[in-house]
PDB file of N, CA and C in Angstrom:
ATOM      1  N   MET A   1      31.000  19.148   2.688  1.00  0.00           N
ATOM      2  CA  MET A   1      31.514  20.485   2.590  1.00  0.00           C
ATOM      3  C   MET A   1      32.755  20.553   3.461  1.00  0.00           C
ATOM      4  N   SER A   2      33.857  20.917   2.869  1.00  0.00           N
ATOM      5  CA  SER A   2      35.095  20.993   3.638  1.00  0.00           C
ATOM      6  C   SER A   2      35.127  22.262   4.486  1.00  0.00           C
ATOM      7  N   TYR A   3      36.080  22.293   5.372  1.00  0.00           N
ATOM      8  CA  TYR A   3      36.173  23.422   6.291  1.00  0.00           C
ATOM      9  C   TYR A   3      36.524  24.707   5.546  1.00  0.00           C
ATOM     10  N   SER A   4      37.352  24.608   4.538  1.00  0.00           N
ATOM     11  CA  SER A   4      37.743  25.812   3.799  1.00  0.00           C
ATOM     12  C   SER A   4      36.559  26.381   3.015  1.00  0.00           C
ATOM     13  N   SER A   5      35.752  25.507   2.423  1.00  0.00           N
ATOM     14  CA  SER A   5      34.591  26.009   1.696  1.00  0.00           C
ATOM     15  C   SER A   5      33.567  26.610   2.665  1.00  0.00           C
ATOM     16  N   HIS A   6      33.501  26.064   3.868  1.00  0.00           N
ATOM     17  CA  HIS A   6      32.611  26.630   4.879  1.00  0.00           C
ATOM     18  C   HIS A   6      33.095  28.026   5.275  1.00  0.00           C
ATOM     19  N   GLU A   7      34.399  28.164   5.421  1.00  0.00           N
ATOM     20  CA  GLU A   7      34.955  29.484   5.740  1.00  0.00           C
ATOM     21  C   GLU A   7      34.663  30.477   4.629  1.00  0.00           C
ATOM     22  N   LYS A   8      34.775  30.004   3.380  1.00  0.00           N
ATOM     23  CA  LYS A   8      34.495  30.883   2.235  1.00  0.00           C
ATOM     24  C   LYS A   8      33.031  31.319   2.250  1.00  0.00           C
ATOM     25  N   LEU A   9      32.140  30.394   2.573  1.00  0.00           N
ATOM     26  CA  LEU A   9      30.720  30.725   2.625  1.00  0.00           C
ATOM     27  C   LEU A   9      30.436  31.747   3.719  1.00  0.00           C
ATOM     28  N   VAL A  10      31.035  31.549   4.876  1.00  0.00           N
ATOM     29  CA  VAL A  10      30.848  32.500   5.973  1.00  0.00           C
ATOM     30  C   VAL A  10      31.385  33.867   5.581  1.00  0.00           C
ATOM     31  N   GLU A  11      32.557  33.886   4.936  1.00  0.00           N
ATOM     32  CA  GLU A  11      33.152  35.151   4.496  1.00  0.00           C
ATOM     33  C   GLU A  11      32.269  35.844   3.455  1.00  0.00           C
ATOM     34  N   TYR A  12      31.720  35.046   2.516  1.00  0.00           N
ATOM     35  CA  TYR A  12      30.846  35.626   1.488  1.00  0.00           C
ATOM     36  C   TYR A  12      29.594  36.222   2.117  1.00  0.00           C
ATOM     37  N   ARG A  13      29.033  35.522   3.097  1.00  0.00           N
ATOM     38  CA  ARG A  13      27.830  36.042   3.758  1.00  0.00           C
ATOM     39  C   ARG A  13      28.114  37.357   4.476  1.00  0.00           C
ATOM     40  N   LYS A  14      29.249  37.415   5.176  1.00  0.00           N
ATOM     41  CA  LYS A  14      29.600  38.661   5.867  1.00  0.00           C
ATOM     42  C   LYS A  14      29.783  39.797   4.872  1.00  0.00           C
ATOM     43  N   LYS A  15      30.465  39.502   3.779  1.00  0.00           N
ATOM     44  CA  LYS A  15      30.691  40.512   2.739  1.00  0.00           C
ATOM     45  C   LYS A  15      29.364  40.950   2.129  1.00  0.00           C
ATOM     46  N   ALA A  16      28.476  39.989   1.884  1.00  0.00           N
ATOM     47  CA  ALA A  16      27.180  40.311   1.286  1.00  0.00           C
ATOM     48  C   ALA A  16      26.365  41.182   2.220  1.00  0.00           C
ATOM     49  N   LEU A  17      26.382  40.854   3.496  1.00  0.00           N
ATOM     50  CA  LEU A  17      25.619  41.659   4.456  1.00  0.00           C
ATOM     51  C   LEU A  17      26.107  43.105   4.492  1.00  0.00           C
ATOM     52  N   LYS A  18      27.398  43.306   4.301  1.00  0.00           N
ATOM     53  CA  LYS A  18      27.950  44.662   4.332  1.00  0.00           C
ATOM     54  C   LYS A  18      27.748  45.400   3.015  1.00  0.00           C
ATOM     55  N   ASN A  19      27.822  44.691   1.880  1.00  0.00           N
ATOM     56  CA  ASN A  19      27.909  45.373   0.587  1.00  0.00           C
ATOM     57  C   ASN A  19      26.644  45.330  -0.263  1.00  0.00           C
ATOM     58  N   PHE A  20      25.640  44.524   0.095  1.00  0.00           N
ATOM     59  CA  PHE A  20      24.442  44.439  -0.745  1.00  0.00           C
ATOM     60  C   PHE A  20      23.672  45.750  -0.685  1.00  0.00           C
ATOM     61  N   THR A  21      23.168  46.151  -1.852  1.00  0.00           N
ATOM     62  CA  THR A  21      22.323  47.344  -1.909  1.00  0.00           C
ATOM     63  C   THR A  21      20.880  46.936  -1.689  1.00  0.00           C
ATOM     64  N   GLU A  22      20.013  47.922  -1.583  1.00  0.00           N
ATOM     65  CA  GLU A  22      18.590  47.625  -1.382  1.00  0.00           C
ATOM     66  C   GLU A  22      18.012  46.854  -2.555  1.00  0.00           C
ATOM     67  N   PHE A  23      18.447  47.186  -3.759  1.00  0.00           N
ATOM     68  CA  PHE A  23      17.938  46.477  -4.943  1.00  0.00           C
ATOM     69  C   PHE A  23      18.399  45.020  -4.944  1.00  0.00           C
ATOM     70  N   GLU A  24      19.620  44.780  -4.523  1.00  0.00           N
ATOM     71  CA  GLU A  24      20.106  43.405  -4.460  1.00  0.00           C
ATOM     72  C   GLU A  24      19.341  42.615  -3.398  1.00  0.00           C
ATOM     73  N   TRP A  25      19.049  43.247  -2.255  1.00  0.00           N
ATOM     74  CA  TRP A  25      18.255  42.587  -1.238  1.00  0.00           C
ATOM     75  C   TRP A  25      16.839  42.322  -1.735  1.00  0.00           C
ATOM     76  N   PHE A  26      16.315  43.265  -2.511  1.00  0.00           N
ATOM     77  CA  PHE A  26      14.987  43.059  -3.068  1.00  0.00           C
ATOM     78  C   PHE A  26      15.009  41.881  -4.047  1.00  0.00           C
ATOM     79  N   ASP A  27      16.092  41.753  -4.832  1.00  0.00           N
ATOM     80  CA  ASP A  27      16.226  40.610  -5.737  1.00  0.00           C
ATOM     81  C   ASP A  27      16.296  39.301  -4.951  1.00  0.00           C
ATOM     82  N   VAL A  28      17.031  39.322  -3.844  1.00  0.00           N
ATOM     83  CA  VAL A  28      17.101  38.123  -2.994  1.00  0.00           C
ATOM     84  C   VAL A  28      15.717  37.788  -2.452  1.00  0.00           C
ATOM     85  N   TYR A  29      14.993  38.816  -2.034  1.00  0.00           N
ATOM     86  CA  TYR A  29      13.643  38.617  -1.514  1.00  0.00           C
ATOM     87  C   TYR A  29      12.740  38.026  -2.598  1.00  0.00           C
ATOM     88  N   ARG A  30      12.779  38.587  -3.805  1.00  0.00           N
ATOM     89  CA  ARG A  30      11.943  38.066  -4.899  1.00  0.00           C
ATOM     90  C   ARG A  30      12.317  36.639  -5.247  1.00  0.00           C
ATOM     91  N   TYR A  31      13.621  36.359  -5.259  1.00  0.00           N
ATOM     92  CA  TYR A  31      14.076  35.008  -5.552  1.00  0.00           C
ATOM     93  C   TYR A  31      13.573  34.033  -4.481  1.00  0.00           C
ATOM     94  N   LYS A  32      13.665  34.458  -3.229  1.00  0.00           N
ATOM     95  CA  LYS A  32      13.180  33.616  -2.137  1.00  0.00           C
ATOM     96  C   LYS A  32      11.676  33.378  -2.263  1.00  0.00           C
ATOM     97  N   MET A  33      10.917  34.400  -2.583  1.00  0.00           N
ATOM     98  CA  MET A  33       9.469  34.250  -2.749  1.00  0.00           C
ATOM     99  C   MET A  33       9.141  33.335  -3.925  1.00  0.00           C
ATOM    100  N   MET A  34       9.922  33.462  -5.005  1.00  0.00           N
ATOM    101  CA  MET A  34       9.709  32.592  -6.162  1.00  0.00           C
ATOM    102  C   MET A  34       9.980  31.132  -5.772  1.00  0.00           C
ATOM    103  N   LEU A  35      11.035  30.889  -5.015  1.00  0.00           N
ATOM    104  CA  LEU A  35      11.336  29.532  -4.567  1.00  0.00           C
ATOM    105  C   LEU A  35      10.237  28.995  -3.661  1.00  0.00           C
ATOM    106  N   LEU A  36       9.750  29.837  -2.759  1.00  0.00           N
ATOM    107  CA  LEU A  36       8.667  29.411  -1.876  1.00  0.00           C
ATOM    108  C   LEU A  36       7.398  29.083  -2.663  1.00  0.00           C
ATOM    109  N   LYS A  37       7.125  29.864  -3.692  1.00  0.00           N
ATOM    110  CA  LYS A  37       5.953  29.590  -4.534  1.00  0.00           C
ATOM    111  C   LYS A  37       6.114  28.253  -5.250  1.00  0.00           C
ATOM    112  N   GLU A  38       7.308  27.997  -5.778  1.00  0.00           N
ATOM    113  CA  GLU A  38       7.556  26.720  -6.445  1.00  0.00           C
ATOM    114  C   GLU A  38       7.454  25.556  -5.465  1.00  0.00           C
ATOM    115  N   ILE A  39       7.969  25.758  -4.257  1.00  0.00           N
ATOM    116  CA  ILE A  39       7.866  24.709  -3.241  1.00  0.00           C
ATOM    117  C   ILE A  39       6.402  24.438  -2.908  1.00  0.00           C
ATOM    118  N   LYS A  40       5.613  25.506  -2.805  1.00  0.00           N
ATOM    119  CA  LYS A  40       4.183  25.330  -2.508  1.00  0.00           C
ATOM    120  C   LYS A  40       3.493  24.559  -3.627  1.00  0.00           C
ATOM    121  N   GLU A  41       3.788  24.921  -4.880  1.00  0.00           N
ATOM    122  CA  GLU A  41       3.180  24.227  -6.016  1.00  0.00           C
ATOM    123  C   GLU A  41       3.607  22.761  -6.050  1.00  0.00           C
ATOM    124  N   ASP A  42       4.894  22.520  -5.791  1.00  0.00           N
ATOM    125  CA  ASP A  42       5.370  21.137  -5.768  1.00  0.00           C
ATOM    126  C   ASP A  42       4.732  20.351  -4.626  1.00  0.00           C
ATOM    127  N   THR A  43       4.501  21.027  -3.510  1.00  0.00           N
ATOM    128  CA  THR A  43       3.850  20.376  -2.375  1.00  0.00           C
ATOM    129  C   THR A  43       2.421  19.990  -2.728  1.00  0.00           C
ATOM    130  N   ILE A  44       1.731  20.854  -3.445  1.00  0.00           N
ATOM    131  CA  ILE A  44       0.358  20.546  -3.866  1.00  0.00           C
ATOM    132  C   ILE A  44       0.358  19.345  -4.800  1.00  0.00           C
ATOM    133  N   VAL A  45       1.301  19.330  -5.752  1.00  0.00           N
ATOM    134  CA  VAL A  45       1.397  18.190  -6.670  1.00  0.00           C
ATOM    135  C   VAL A  45       1.693  16.916  -5.895  1.00  0.00           C
ATOM    136  N   LEU A  46       2.593  17.005  -4.938  1.00  0.00           N
ATOM    137  CA  LEU A  46       2.938  15.836  -4.134  1.00  0.00           C
ATOM    138  C   LEU A  46       1.756  15.360  -3.300  1.00  0.00           C
ATOM    139  N   GLU A  47       0.987  16.287  -2.740  1.00  0.00           N
ATOM    140  CA  GLU A  47      -0.198  15.908  -1.970  1.00  0.00           C
ATOM    141  C   GLU A  47      -1.218  15.207  -2.859  1.00  0.00           C
ATOM    142  N   ASN A  48      -1.427  15.729  -4.067  1.00  0.00           N
ATOM    143  CA  ASN A  48      -2.357  15.082  -4.997  1.00  0.00           C
ATOM    144  C   ASN A  48      -1.878  13.676  -5.342  1.00  0.00           C
ATOM    145  N   PHE A  49      -0.575  13.555  -5.558  1.00  0.00           N
ATOM    146  CA  PHE A  49      -0.010  12.244  -5.879  1.00  0.00           C
ATOM    147  C   PHE A  49      -0.202  11.266  -4.727  1.00  0.00           C
ATOM    148  N   THR A  50       0.069  11.715  -3.503  1.00  0.00           N
ATOM    149  CA  THR A  50      -0.096  10.820  -2.355  1.00  0.00           C
ATOM    150  C   THR A  50      -1.555  10.445  -2.146  1.00  0.00           C
ATOM    151  N   GLU A  51      -2.465  11.378  -2.418  1.00  0.00           N
ATOM    152  CA  GLU A  51      -3.892  11.047  -2.307  1.00  0.00           C
ATOM    153  C   GLU A  51      -4.277   9.975  -3.315  1.00  0.00           C
ATOM    154  N   SER A  52      -3.779  10.105  -4.549  1.00  0.00           N
ATOM    155  CA  SER A  52      -4.112   9.091  -5.554  1.00  0.00           C
ATOM    156  C   SER A  52      -3.493   7.746  -5.189  1.00  0.00           C
ATOM    157  N   ILE A  53      -2.283   7.766  -4.656  1.00  0.00           N
ATOM    158  CA  ILE A  53      -1.645   6.522  -4.223  1.00  0.00           C
ATOM    159  C   ILE A  53      -2.436   5.901  -3.067  1.00  0.00           C
ATOM    160  N   ASP A  54      -2.882   6.732  -2.141  1.00  0.00           N
ATOM    161  CA  ASP A  54      -3.685   6.228  -1.023  1.00  0.00           C
ATOM    162  C   ASP A  54      -4.977   5.593  -1.517  1.00  0.00           C
ATOM    163  N   LEU A  55      -5.637   6.236  -2.477  1.00  0.00           N
ATOM    164  CA  LEU A  55      -6.875   5.676  -3.026  1.00  0.00           C
ATOM    165  C   LEU A  55      -6.614   4.346  -3.715  1.00  0.00           C
ATOM    166  N   ARG A  56      -5.543   4.282  -4.498  1.00  0.00           N
ATOM    167  CA  ARG A  56      -5.219   3.034  -5.183  1.00  0.00           C
ATOM    168  C   ARG A  56      -4.888   1.934  -4.179  1.00  0.00           C
ATOM    169  N   THR A  57      -4.142   2.304  -3.154  1.00  0.00           N
ATOM    170  CA  THR A  57      -3.785   1.326  -2.129  1.00  0.00           C
ATOM    171  C   THR A  57      -5.029   0.815  -1.422  1.00  0.00           C
ATOM    172  N   GLU A  58      -5.929   1.712  -1.112  1.00  0.00           N
ATOM    173  CA  GLU A  58      -7.176   1.315  -0.450  1.00  0.00           C
ATOM    174  C   GLU A  58      -7.987   0.374  -1.334  1.00  0.00           C
ATOM    175  N   ASN A  59      -8.074   0.693  -2.627  1.00  0.00           N
ATOM    176  CA  ASN A  59      -8.806  -0.175  -3.548  1.00  0.00           C
ATOM    177  C   ASN A  59      -8.158  -1.551  -3.649  1.00  0.00           C
ATOM    178  N   LEU A  60      -6.833  -1.570  -3.708  1.00  0.00           N
ATOM    179  CA  LEU A  60      -6.140  -2.856  -3.786  1.00  0.00           C
ATOM    180  C   LEU A  60      -6.316  -3.662  -2.500  1.00  0.00           C
ATOM    181  N   GLU A  61      -6.328  -2.991  -1.370  1.00  0.00           N
ATOM    182  CA  GLU A  61      -6.557  -3.696  -0.113  1.00  0.00           C
ATOM    183  C   GLU A  61      -7.968  -4.289  -0.071  1.00  0.00           C
ATOM    184  N   LYS A  62      -8.949  -3.527  -0.558  1.00  0.00           N
ATOM    185  CA  LYS A  62     -10.320  -4.055  -0.611  1.00  0.00           C
ATOM    186  C   LYS A  62     -10.393  -5.281  -1.511  1.00  0.00           C
ATOM    187  N   LYS A  63      -9.734  -5.217  -2.674  1.00  0.00           N
ATOM    188  CA  LYS A  63      -9.730  -6.357  -3.577  1.00  0.00           C
ATOM    189  C   LYS A  63      -9.048  -7.557  -2.940  1.00  0.00           C
ATOM    190  N   LEU A  64      -7.976  -7.301  -2.224  1.00  0.00           N
ATOM    191  CA  LEU A  64      -7.265  -8.380  -1.556  1.00  0.00           C
ATOM    192  C   LEU A  64      -8.133  -9.033  -0.491  1.00  0.00           C
ATOM    193  N   ILE A  65      -8.835  -8.227   0.267  1.00  0.00           N
ATOM    194  CA  ILE A  65      -9.738  -8.759   1.292  1.00  0.00           C
ATOM    195  C   ILE A  65     -10.849  -9.580   0.641  1.00  0.00           C
ATOM    196  N   GLU A  66     -11.381  -9.094  -0.481  1.00  0.00           N
ATOM    197  CA  GLU A  66     -12.413  -9.849  -1.192  1.00  0.00           C
ATOM    198  C   GLU A  66     -11.870 -11.199  -1.671  1.00  0.00           C
ATOM    199  N   LYS A  67     -10.639 -11.198  -2.183  1.00  0.00           N
ATOM    200  CA  LYS A  67     -10.034 -12.455  -2.641  1.00  0.00           C
ATOM    201  C   LYS A  67      -9.859 -13.432  -1.483  1.00  0.00           C
ATOM    202  N   PHE A  68      -9.400 -12.915  -0.339  1.00  0.00           N
ATOM    203  CA  PHE A  68      -9.250 -13.788   0.823  1.00  0.00           C
ATOM    204  C   PHE A  68     -10.598 -14.349   1.261  1.00  0.00           C
ATOM    205  N   ASP A  69     -11.628 -13.514   1.234  1.00  0.00           N
ATOM    206  CA  ASP A  69     -12.961 -13.999   1.597  1.00  0.00           C
ATOM    207  C   ASP A  69     -13.436 -15.080   0.629  1.00  0.00           C
ATOM    208  N   GLN A  70     -13.166 -14.873  -0.660  1.00  0.00           N
ATOM    209  CA  GLN A  70     -13.544 -15.886  -1.646  1.00  0.00           C
ATOM    210  C   GLN A  70     -12.790 -17.189  -1.398  1.00  0.00           C
ATOM    211  N   LEU A  71     -11.505 -17.070  -1.078  1.00  0.00           N
ATOM    212  CA  LEU A  71     -10.728 -18.278  -0.789  1.00  0.00           C
ATOM    213  C   LEU A  71     -11.247 -19.006   0.443  1.00  0.00           C
ATOM    214  N   LYS A  72     -11.597 -18.249   1.471  1.00  0.00           N
ATOM    215  CA  LYS A  72     -12.158 -18.864   2.671  1.00  0.00           C
ATOM    216  C   LYS A  72     -13.460 -19.586   2.352  1.00  0.00           C
ATOM    217  N   LYS A  73     -14.309 -18.912   1.595  1.00  0.00           N
ATOM    218  CA  LYS A  73     -15.586 -19.518   1.229  1.00  0.00           C
ATOM    219  C   LYS A  73     -15.359 -20.765   0.378  1.00  0.00           C
ATOM    220  N   SER A  74     -14.417 -20.686  -0.530  1.00  0.00           N
ATOM    221  CA  SER A  74     -14.107 -21.828  -1.376  1.00  0.00           C
ATOM    222  C   SER A  74     -13.595 -23.003  -0.544  1.00  0.00           C
ATOM    223  N   ASN A  75     -12.732 -22.712   0.407  1.00  0.00           N
ATOM    224  CA  ASN A  75     -12.218 -23.777   1.272  1.00  0.00           C
ATOM    225  C   ASN A  75     -13.319 -24.385   2.130  1.00  0.00           C
ATOM    226  N   VAL A  76     -14.215 -23.567   2.619  1.00  0.00           N
ATOM    227  CA  VAL A  76     -15.328 -24.077   3.415  1.00  0.00           C
ATOM    228  C   VAL A  76     -16.206 -24.986   2.552  1.00  0.00           C
ATOM    229  N   ASN A  77     -16.498 -24.527   1.332  1.00  0.00           N
ATOM    230  CA  ASN A  77     -17.309 -25.355   0.423  1.00  0.00           C
ATOM    231  C   ASN A  77     -16.600 -26.661   0.090  1.00  0.00           C
ATOM    232  N   LYS A  78     -15.314 -26.559  -0.170  1.00  0.00           N
ATOM    233  CA  LYS A  78     -14.550 -27.758  -0.501  1.00  0.00           C
ATOM    234  C   LYS A  78     -14.572 -28.740   0.677  1.00  0.00           C
ATOM    235  N   ASN A  79     -14.364 -28.242   1.872  1.00  0.00           N
ATOM    236  CA  ASN A  79     -14.402 -29.111   3.052  1.00  0.00           C
ATOM    237  C   ASN A  79     -15.781 -29.722   3.252  1.00  0.00           C
ATOM    238  N   PHE A  80     -16.814 -28.938   2.981  1.00  0.00           N
ATOM    239  CA  PHE A  80     -18.176 -29.455   3.104  1.00  0.00           C
ATOM    240  C   PHE A  80     -18.413 -30.606   2.120  1.00  0.00           C
ATOM    241  N   PHE A  81     -17.987 -30.425   0.892  1.00  0.00           N
ATOM    242  CA  PHE A  81     -18.203 -31.478  -0.110  1.00  0.00           C
ATOM    243  C   PHE A  81     -17.366 -32.715   0.193  1.00  0.00           C
ATOM    244  N   ILE A  82     -16.180 -32.522   0.728  1.00  0.00           N
ATOM    245  CA  ILE A  82     -15.374 -33.682   1.124  1.00  0.00           C
ATOM    246  C   ILE A  82     -16.072 -34.448   2.242  1.00  0.00           C
ATOM    247  N   LEU A  83     -16.573 -33.730   3.213  1.00  0.00           N
ATOM    248  CA  LEU A  83     -17.298 -34.369   4.315  1.00  0.00           C
ATOM    249  C   LEU A  83     -18.552 -35.075   3.811  1.00  0.00           C
ATOM    250  N   LEU A  84     -19.270 -34.431   2.934  1.00  0.00           N
ATOM    251  CA  LEU A  84     -20.465 -35.037   2.346  1.00  0.00           C
ATOM    252  C   LEU A  84     -20.105 -36.309   1.579  1.00  0.00           C
ATOM    253  N   SER A  85     -19.004 -36.275   0.873  1.00  0.00           N
ATOM    254  CA  SER A  85     -18.559 -37.462   0.131  1.00  0.00           C
ATOM    255  C   SER A  85     -18.212 -38.601   1.084  1.00  0.00           C
ATOM    256  N   ILE A  86     -17.530 -38.300   2.144  1.00  0.00           N
ATOM    257  CA  ILE A  86     -17.171 -39.336   3.120  1.00  0.00           C
ATOM    258  C   ILE A  86     -18.419 -39.940   3.751  1.00  0.00           C
ATOM    259  N   ILE A  87     -19.363 -39.088   4.115  1.00  0.00           N
ATOM    260  CA  ILE A  87     -20.625 -39.579   4.707  1.00  0.00           C
ATOM    261  C   ILE A  87     -21.381 -40.454   3.720  1.00  0.00           C
ATOM    262  N   SER A  88     -21.434 -40.029   2.462  1.00  0.00           N
ATOM    263  CA  SER A  88     -22.144 -40.850   1.468  1.00  0.00           C
ATOM    264  C   SER A  88     -21.449 -42.195   1.263  1.00  0.00           C
ATOM    265  N   GLN A  89     -20.117 -42.211   1.306  1.00  0.00           N
ATOM    266  CA  GLN A  89     -19.398 -43.486   1.187  1.00  0.00           C
ATOM    267  C   GLN A  89     -19.682 -44.390   2.383  1.00  0.00           C
ATOM    268  N   ILE A  90     -19.746 -43.789   3.557  1.00  0.00           N
ATOM    269  CA  ILE A  90     -20.065 -44.593   4.753  1.00  0.00           C
ATOM    270  C   ILE A  90     -21.465 -45.196   4.622  1.00  0.00           C
ATOM    271  N   PHE A  91     -22.426 -44.376   4.171  1.00  0.00           N
ATOM    272  CA  PHE A  91     -23.787 -44.913   3.999  1.00  0.00           C
ATOM    273  C   PHE A  91     -23.847 -45.984   2.921  1.00  0.00           C
ATOM    274  N   SER A  92     -23.103 -45.803   1.859  1.00  0.00           N
ATOM    275  CA  SER A  92     -23.122 -46.827   0.800  1.00  0.00           C
ATOM    276  C   SER A  92     -22.498 -48.126   1.299  1.00  0.00           C
ATOM    277  N   LEU A  93     -21.422 -48.030   2.081  1.00  0.00           N
ATOM    278  CA  LEU A  93     -20.834 -49.241   2.649  1.00  0.00           C
ATOM    279  C   LEU A  93     -21.787 -49.899   3.643  1.00  0.00           C
ATOM    280  N   LEU A  94     -22.456 -49.098   4.408  1.00  0.00           N
ATOM    281  CA  LEU A  94     -23.437 -49.645   5.347  1.00  0.00           C
ATOM    282  C   LEU A  94     -24.573 -50.342   4.596  1.00  0.00           C
ATOM    283  N   PHE A  95     -25.031 -49.720   3.528  1.00  0.00           N
ATOM    284  CA  PHE A  95     -26.078 -50.340   2.708  1.00  0.00           C
ATOM    285  C   PHE A  95     -25.597 -51.664   2.123  1.00  0.00           C
ATOM    286  N   LEU A  96     -24.366 -51.687   1.626  1.00  0.00           N
ATOM    287  CA  LEU A  96     -23.809 -52.937   1.076  1.00  0.00           C
ATOM    288  C   LEU A  96     -23.688 -54.005   2.157  1.00  0.00           C
ATOM    289  N   LEU A  97     -23.299 -53.582   3.331  1.00  0.00           N
ATOM    290  CA  LEU A  97     -23.203 -54.520   4.442  1.00  0.00           C
ATOM    291  C   LEU A  97     -24.565 -55.153   4.739  1.00  0.00           C
ATOM    292  N   PHE A  98     -25.599 -54.333   4.799  1.00  0.00           N
ATOM    293  CA  PHE A  98     -26.940 -54.870   5.030  1.00  0.00           C
ATOM    294  C   PHE A  98     -27.408 -55.749   3.878  1.00  0.00           C
ATOM    295  N   LEU A  99     -27.048 -55.361   2.676  1.00  0.00           N
ATOM    296  CA  LEU A  99     -27.435 -56.140   1.508  1.00  0.00           C
ATOM    297  C   LEU A  99     -26.797 -57.527   1.550  1.00  0.00           C
ATOM    298  N   PHE A 100     -25.499 -57.579   1.778  1.00  0.00           N
ATOM    299  CA  PHE A 100     -24.835 -58.889   1.847  1.00  0.00           C
ATOM    300  C   PHE A 100     -25.304 -59.710   3.050  1.00  0.00           C
ATOM    301  N   ARG A 101     -25.625 -59.062   4.086  1.00  0.00           N
ATOM    302  CA  ARG A 101     -26.150 -59.775   5.251  1.00  0.00           C
ATOM    303  C   ARG A 101     -27.489 -60.427   4.911  1.00  0.00           C
ATOM    304  N   SER A 102     -28.329 -59.653   4.205  1.00  0.00           N
ATOM    305  CA  SER A 102     -29.611 -60.239   3.817  1.00  0.00           C
ATOM    306  C   SER A 102     -29.423 -61.391   2.818  1.00  0.00           C
ATOM    307  N   PHE A 103     -28.401 -61.308   1.940  1.00  0.00           N
ATOM    308  CA  PHE A 103     -28.129 -62.414   1.016  1.00  0.00           C
ATOM    309  C   PHE A 103     -27.640 -63.650   1.775  1.00  0.00           C
ATOM    310  N   LEU A 104     -26.865 -63.411   2.776  1.00  0.00           N
ATOM    311  CA  LEU A 104     -26.319 -64.528   3.548  1.00  0.00           C
ATOM    312  C   LEU A 104     -27.373 -65.208   4.409  1.00  0.00           C
ATOM    313  N   THR A 105     -28.306 -64.445   4.885  1.00  0.00           N
ATOM    314  CA  THR A 105     -29.350 -65.038   5.704  1.00  0.00           C
ATOM    315  C   THR A 105     -30.361 -65.810   4.876  1.00  0.00           C
ATOM    316  N   LYS A 106     -30.501 -65.474   3.628  1.00  0.00           N
ATOM    317  CA  LYS A 106     -31.453 -66.192   2.784  1.00  0.00           C
ATOM    318  C   LYS A 106     -30.754 -67.352   2.215  1.00  0.00           C
TER     319      LYS A 106
END
């Protein structure tokens, strides 16, 4: 807003304050009340929207946490089976060692 338009606005306000009739002020009042009512209605719509977004976000966070838990469990299981496989290979090699030893002694 330039300085000249600001001056015009100030001048218009001064003129309006001096020249407005009661009916014009009542119209301004009604217009202001109508705007406030619309703002209130829009605020309610916005609150409902934010509540739905919050619920969706919460649900998505729960799903994400569940996925992470599943991944952790999967990794634990995978590590367990790898360890079990290594142990079984060690036992099989040990068994083969004893087997060949018994063949060599006979």
